[in-house]
Amino acid sequence: MKNPYKNRGEFEMVVEAAKKLVRMGRRETLFRLPGDKLGEWRTVKAPFTADVKKFIVGKYGDEVVIANEDFLRAASSSGFVPVDNRFSAN
């Protein structure tokens, strides 16, 4: 597979941005709407829970993309088992 990054610095910037999103996701719920610019995230100042998801979907519709769900999906597919439930939807 061809490397999509022009140089090492660009790759490091992407990794740092991903780390920042994960850190923010511990305290807040991050989501995007279909018309939002790439890399732009909206927040709810509450950790991700089923109730927060219900609130976001109720207000903005079911087309929202919730980053915290992607964190959970990526962690579970990698075999990662969290030691706490910071990203739990329950």
N, C-alpha and C. Protein backbone atom coordinates (compact mmCIF):
# COMPACT_ATOMS: atom_id res chain seq x y z
N MET A 1 0.84 -1.19 0.00
CA MET A 1 0.00 0.00 0.00
C MET A 1 0.88 1.25 0.00
N LYS A 2 0.52 2.20 -0.82
CA LYS A 2 1.28 3.44 -0.93
C LYS A 2 1.02 4.33 0.28
N ASN A 3 2.05 4.96 0.77
CA ASN A 3 1.93 5.87 1.90
C ASN A 3 1.19 7.14 1.46
N PRO A 4 0.05 7.46 2.08
CA PRO A 4 -0.72 8.63 1.65
C PRO A 4 -0.14 9.97 2.13
N TYR A 5 0.88 9.93 2.99
CA TYR A 5 1.44 11.16 3.56
C TYR A 5 2.66 11.59 2.77
N LYS A 6 2.80 12.89 2.57
CA LYS A 6 3.91 13.42 1.78
C LYS A 6 5.24 13.30 2.51
N ASN A 7 5.21 13.44 3.83
CA ASN A 7 6.44 13.35 4.60
C ASN A 7 6.12 12.93 6.03
N ARG A 8 7.14 12.65 6.78
CA ARG A 8 6.97 12.18 8.15
C ARG A 8 6.26 13.23 9.02
N GLY A 9 6.54 14.49 8.80
CA GLY A 9 5.91 15.56 9.58
C GLY A 9 4.40 15.57 9.42
N GLU A 10 3.93 15.32 8.21
CA GLU A 10 2.48 15.28 7.96
C GLU A 10 1.85 14.12 8.72
N PHE A 11 2.50 12.96 8.70
CA PHE A 11 2.00 11.80 9.44
C PHE A 11 1.93 12.10 10.93
N GLU A 12 2.98 12.72 11.47
CA GLU A 12 3.00 13.05 12.89
C GLU A 12 1.89 14.02 13.26
N MET A 13 1.57 14.95 12.36
CA MET A 13 0.47 15.89 12.62
C MET A 13 -0.86 15.15 12.70
N VAL A 14 -1.07 14.17 11.83
CA VAL A 14 -2.31 13.38 11.83
C VAL A 14 -2.40 12.58 13.13
N VAL A 15 -1.30 11.97 13.54
CA VAL A 15 -1.29 11.19 14.79
C VAL A 15 -1.59 12.09 15.98
N GLU A 16 -0.98 13.26 16.05
CA GLU A 16 -1.23 14.18 17.15
C GLU A 16 -2.68 14.65 17.17
N ALA A 17 -3.26 14.89 16.00
CA ALA A 17 -4.67 15.31 15.94
C ALA A 17 -5.57 14.19 16.46
N ALA A 18 -5.26 12.95 16.11
CA ALA A 18 -6.05 11.82 16.59
C ALA A 18 -5.93 11.68 18.10
N LYS A 19 -4.73 11.85 18.63
CA LYS A 19 -4.53 11.77 20.08
C LYS A 19 -5.33 12.86 20.80
N LYS A 20 -5.35 14.06 20.21
CA LYS A 20 -6.09 15.17 20.80
C LYS A 20 -7.58 14.85 20.85
N LEU A 21 -8.12 14.27 19.77
CA LEU A 21 -9.54 13.91 19.75
C LEU A 21 -9.85 12.88 20.84
N VAL A 22 -8.98 11.90 21.00
CA VAL A 22 -9.21 10.88 22.02
C VAL A 22 -9.19 11.51 23.42
N ARG A 23 -8.23 12.42 23.66
CA ARG A 23 -8.17 13.10 24.97
C ARG A 23 -9.45 13.91 25.21
N MET A 24 -9.90 14.64 24.18
CA MET A 24 -11.13 15.43 24.32
C MET A 24 -12.33 14.52 24.57
N GLY A 25 -12.33 13.34 23.94
CA GLY A 25 -13.43 12.41 24.06
C GLY A 25 -13.59 11.82 25.45
N ARG A 26 -12.61 11.97 26.28
CA ARG A 26 -12.73 11.49 27.66
C ARG A 26 -13.66 12.39 28.48
N ARG A 27 -13.69 13.67 28.13
CA ARG A 27 -14.49 14.64 28.89
C ARG A 27 -15.75 15.09 28.15
N GLU A 28 -15.70 15.01 26.83
CA GLU A 28 -16.78 15.54 26.00
C GLU A 28 -17.21 14.51 24.96
N THR A 29 -18.37 14.74 24.38
CA THR A 29 -18.82 13.93 23.26
C THR A 29 -18.61 14.76 22.00
N LEU A 30 -17.87 14.19 21.06
CA LEU A 30 -17.56 14.89 19.82
C LEU A 30 -18.41 14.33 18.69
N PHE A 31 -18.97 15.23 17.87
CA PHE A 31 -19.81 14.77 16.76
C PHE A 31 -19.72 15.74 15.60
N ARG A 32 -20.11 15.25 14.43
CA ARG A 32 -20.14 16.06 13.21
C ARG A 32 -21.47 15.89 12.52
N LEU A 33 -21.86 16.93 11.81
CA LEU A 33 -23.05 16.87 10.97
C LEU A 33 -22.61 16.68 9.52
N PRO A 34 -23.49 16.18 8.66
CA PRO A 34 -23.09 15.91 7.27
C PRO A 34 -22.46 17.10 6.54
N GLY A 35 -22.88 18.31 6.81
CA GLY A 35 -22.35 19.48 6.11
C GLY A 35 -21.11 20.09 6.72
N ASP A 36 -20.64 19.57 7.84
CA ASP A 36 -19.46 20.13 8.51
C ASP A 36 -18.19 19.87 7.70
N LYS A 37 -17.23 20.77 7.83
CA LYS A 37 -15.95 20.62 7.14
C LYS A 37 -15.17 19.46 7.74
N LEU A 38 -14.36 18.83 6.92
CA LEU A 38 -13.51 17.74 7.36
C LEU A 38 -12.58 18.23 8.47
N GLY A 39 -12.52 17.50 9.55
CA GLY A 39 -11.67 17.88 10.69
C GLY A 39 -12.35 18.79 11.68
N GLU A 40 -13.57 19.21 11.40
CA GLU A 40 -14.32 20.10 12.29
C GLU A 40 -15.23 19.25 13.16
N TRP A 41 -15.21 19.45 14.46
CA TRP A 41 -16.03 18.67 15.38
C TRP A 41 -16.83 19.59 16.28
N ARG A 42 -18.05 19.21 16.56
CA ARG A 42 -18.90 19.88 17.54
C ARG A 42 -18.81 19.09 18.83
N THR A 43 -19.11 19.72 19.95
CA THR A 43 -18.99 19.01 21.22
C THR A 43 -20.22 19.21 22.09
N VAL A 44 -20.45 18.22 22.92
CA VAL A 44 -21.39 18.30 24.03
C VAL A 44 -20.52 18.14 25.26
N LYS A 45 -20.60 19.06 26.18
CA LYS A 45 -19.72 19.03 27.34
C LYS A 45 -20.18 18.02 28.38
N ALA A 46 -20.19 16.77 27.94
CA ALA A 46 -20.55 15.64 28.81
C ALA A 46 -19.89 14.40 28.21
N PRO A 47 -19.43 13.49 29.06
CA PRO A 47 -18.88 12.24 28.54
C PRO A 47 -19.93 11.48 27.73
N PHE A 48 -19.50 10.69 26.78
CA PHE A 48 -20.39 9.94 25.91
C PHE A 48 -21.15 8.88 26.69
N THR A 49 -22.48 8.93 26.60
CA THR A 49 -23.36 7.92 27.19
C THR A 49 -24.51 7.69 26.21
N ALA A 50 -25.31 6.69 26.49
CA ALA A 50 -26.48 6.43 25.66
C ALA A 50 -27.44 7.62 25.69
N ASP A 51 -27.56 8.28 26.85
CA ASP A 51 -28.45 9.45 26.95
C ASP A 51 -27.93 10.62 26.12
N VAL A 52 -26.61 10.83 26.12
CA VAL A 52 -26.04 11.91 25.32
C VAL A 52 -26.25 11.62 23.83
N LYS A 53 -26.06 10.38 23.43
CA LYS A 53 -26.29 10.00 22.03
C LYS A 53 -27.76 10.26 21.66
N LYS A 54 -28.67 9.88 22.53
CA LYS A 54 -30.10 10.09 22.29
C LYS A 54 -30.41 11.58 22.12
N PHE A 55 -29.79 12.42 22.95
CA PHE A 55 -29.98 13.86 22.87
C PHE A 55 -29.48 14.39 21.52
N ILE A 56 -28.26 13.99 21.12
CA ILE A 56 -27.67 14.48 19.86
C ILE A 56 -28.51 14.04 18.66
N VAL A 57 -28.86 12.76 18.61
CA VAL A 57 -29.65 12.25 17.50
C VAL A 57 -31.03 12.90 17.48
N GLY A 58 -31.63 13.13 18.65
CA GLY A 58 -32.93 13.78 18.71
C GLY A 58 -32.89 15.22 18.21
N LYS A 59 -31.79 15.92 18.49
CA LYS A 59 -31.68 17.31 18.09
C LYS A 59 -31.23 17.49 16.64
N TYR A 60 -30.28 16.64 16.17
CA TYR A 60 -29.67 16.84 14.86
C TYR A 60 -30.03 15.77 13.82
N GLY A 61 -30.69 14.70 14.23
CA GLY A 61 -31.04 13.64 13.29
C GLY A 61 -30.04 12.49 13.32
N ASP A 62 -30.38 11.43 12.63
CA ASP A 62 -29.56 10.21 12.72
C ASP A 62 -28.39 10.19 11.74
N GLU A 63 -28.15 11.28 11.04
CA GLU A 63 -27.01 11.35 10.11
C GLU A 63 -25.74 11.85 10.80
N VAL A 64 -25.80 12.13 12.09
CA VAL A 64 -24.62 12.62 12.81
C VAL A 64 -23.58 11.52 12.90
N VAL A 65 -22.33 11.93 12.95
CA VAL A 65 -21.21 11.01 13.16
C VAL A 65 -20.65 11.34 14.55
N ILE A 66 -20.68 10.37 15.44
CA ILE A 66 -20.20 10.59 16.80
C ILE A 66 -18.82 9.95 16.91
N ALA A 67 -17.81 10.79 17.16
CA ALA A 67 -16.43 10.31 17.21
C ALA A 67 -16.23 9.29 18.32
N ASN A 68 -16.88 9.47 19.44
CA ASN A 68 -16.70 8.56 20.57
C ASN A 68 -17.10 7.14 20.20
N GLU A 69 -18.11 6.98 19.34
CA GLU A 69 -18.50 5.65 18.87
C GLU A 69 -17.38 5.04 18.02
N ASP A 70 -16.72 5.89 17.23
CA ASP A 70 -15.61 5.41 16.42
C ASP A 70 -14.45 4.98 17.31
N PHE A 71 -14.22 5.69 18.42
CA PHE A 71 -13.17 5.30 19.36
C PHE A 71 -13.46 3.90 19.90
N LEU A 72 -14.72 3.67 20.29
CA LEU A 72 -15.12 2.37 20.83
C LEU A 72 -14.98 1.27 19.78
N ARG A 73 -15.42 1.57 18.56
CA ARG A 73 -15.34 0.58 17.47
C ARG A 73 -13.89 0.21 17.18
N ALA A 74 -13.01 1.21 17.13
CA ALA A 74 -11.60 0.96 16.85
C ALA A 74 -10.96 0.17 17.98
N ALA A 75 -11.31 0.51 19.21
CA ALA A 75 -10.73 -0.19 20.36
C ALA A 75 -11.17 -1.64 20.40
N SER A 76 -12.45 -1.89 20.13
CA SER A 76 -12.94 -3.27 20.21
C SER A 76 -12.40 -4.12 19.06
N SER A 77 -12.21 -3.53 17.89
CA SER A 77 -11.69 -4.31 16.76
C SER A 77 -10.21 -4.62 16.92
N SER A 78 -9.52 -3.83 17.74
CA SER A 78 -8.10 -4.08 17.96
C SER A 78 -7.87 -5.05 19.11
N GLY A 79 -8.93 -5.42 19.81
CA GLY A 79 -8.79 -6.32 20.95
C GLY A 79 -8.52 -5.58 22.25
N PHE A 80 -8.53 -4.25 22.21
CA PHE A 80 -8.29 -3.44 23.40
C PHE A 80 -9.45 -3.59 24.37
N VAL A 81 -9.13 -3.80 25.63
CA VAL A 81 -10.15 -3.89 26.67
C VAL A 81 -9.93 -2.73 27.62
N PRO A 82 -10.84 -1.75 27.66
CA PRO A 82 -10.63 -0.59 28.52
C PRO A 82 -10.66 -0.95 29.99
N VAL A 83 -9.86 -0.25 30.79
CA VAL A 83 -9.86 -0.50 32.23
C VAL A 83 -10.94 0.30 32.93
N ASP A 84 -11.56 1.22 32.23
CA ASP A 84 -12.69 1.95 32.78
C ASP A 84 -13.69 2.17 31.66
N ASN A 85 -14.74 2.92 31.94
CA ASN A 85 -15.78 3.09 30.93
C ASN A 85 -15.90 4.52 30.44
N ARG A 86 -14.77 5.21 30.26
CA ARG A 86 -14.81 6.60 29.80
C ARG A 86 -15.51 6.77 28.47
N PHE A 87 -15.41 5.77 27.59
CA PHE A 87 -16.03 5.89 26.28
C PHE A 87 -17.28 5.03 26.17
N SER A 88 -17.75 4.50 27.25
CA SER A 88 -18.87 3.57 27.21
C SER A 88 -20.17 4.29 26.87
N ALA A 89 -20.99 3.62 26.08
CA ALA A 89 -22.31 4.19 25.74
C ALA A 89 -23.35 3.73 26.74
N ASN A 90 -22.98 3.00 27.74
CA ASN A 90 -23.93 2.49 28.72
C ASN A 90 -23.98 3.35 29.95
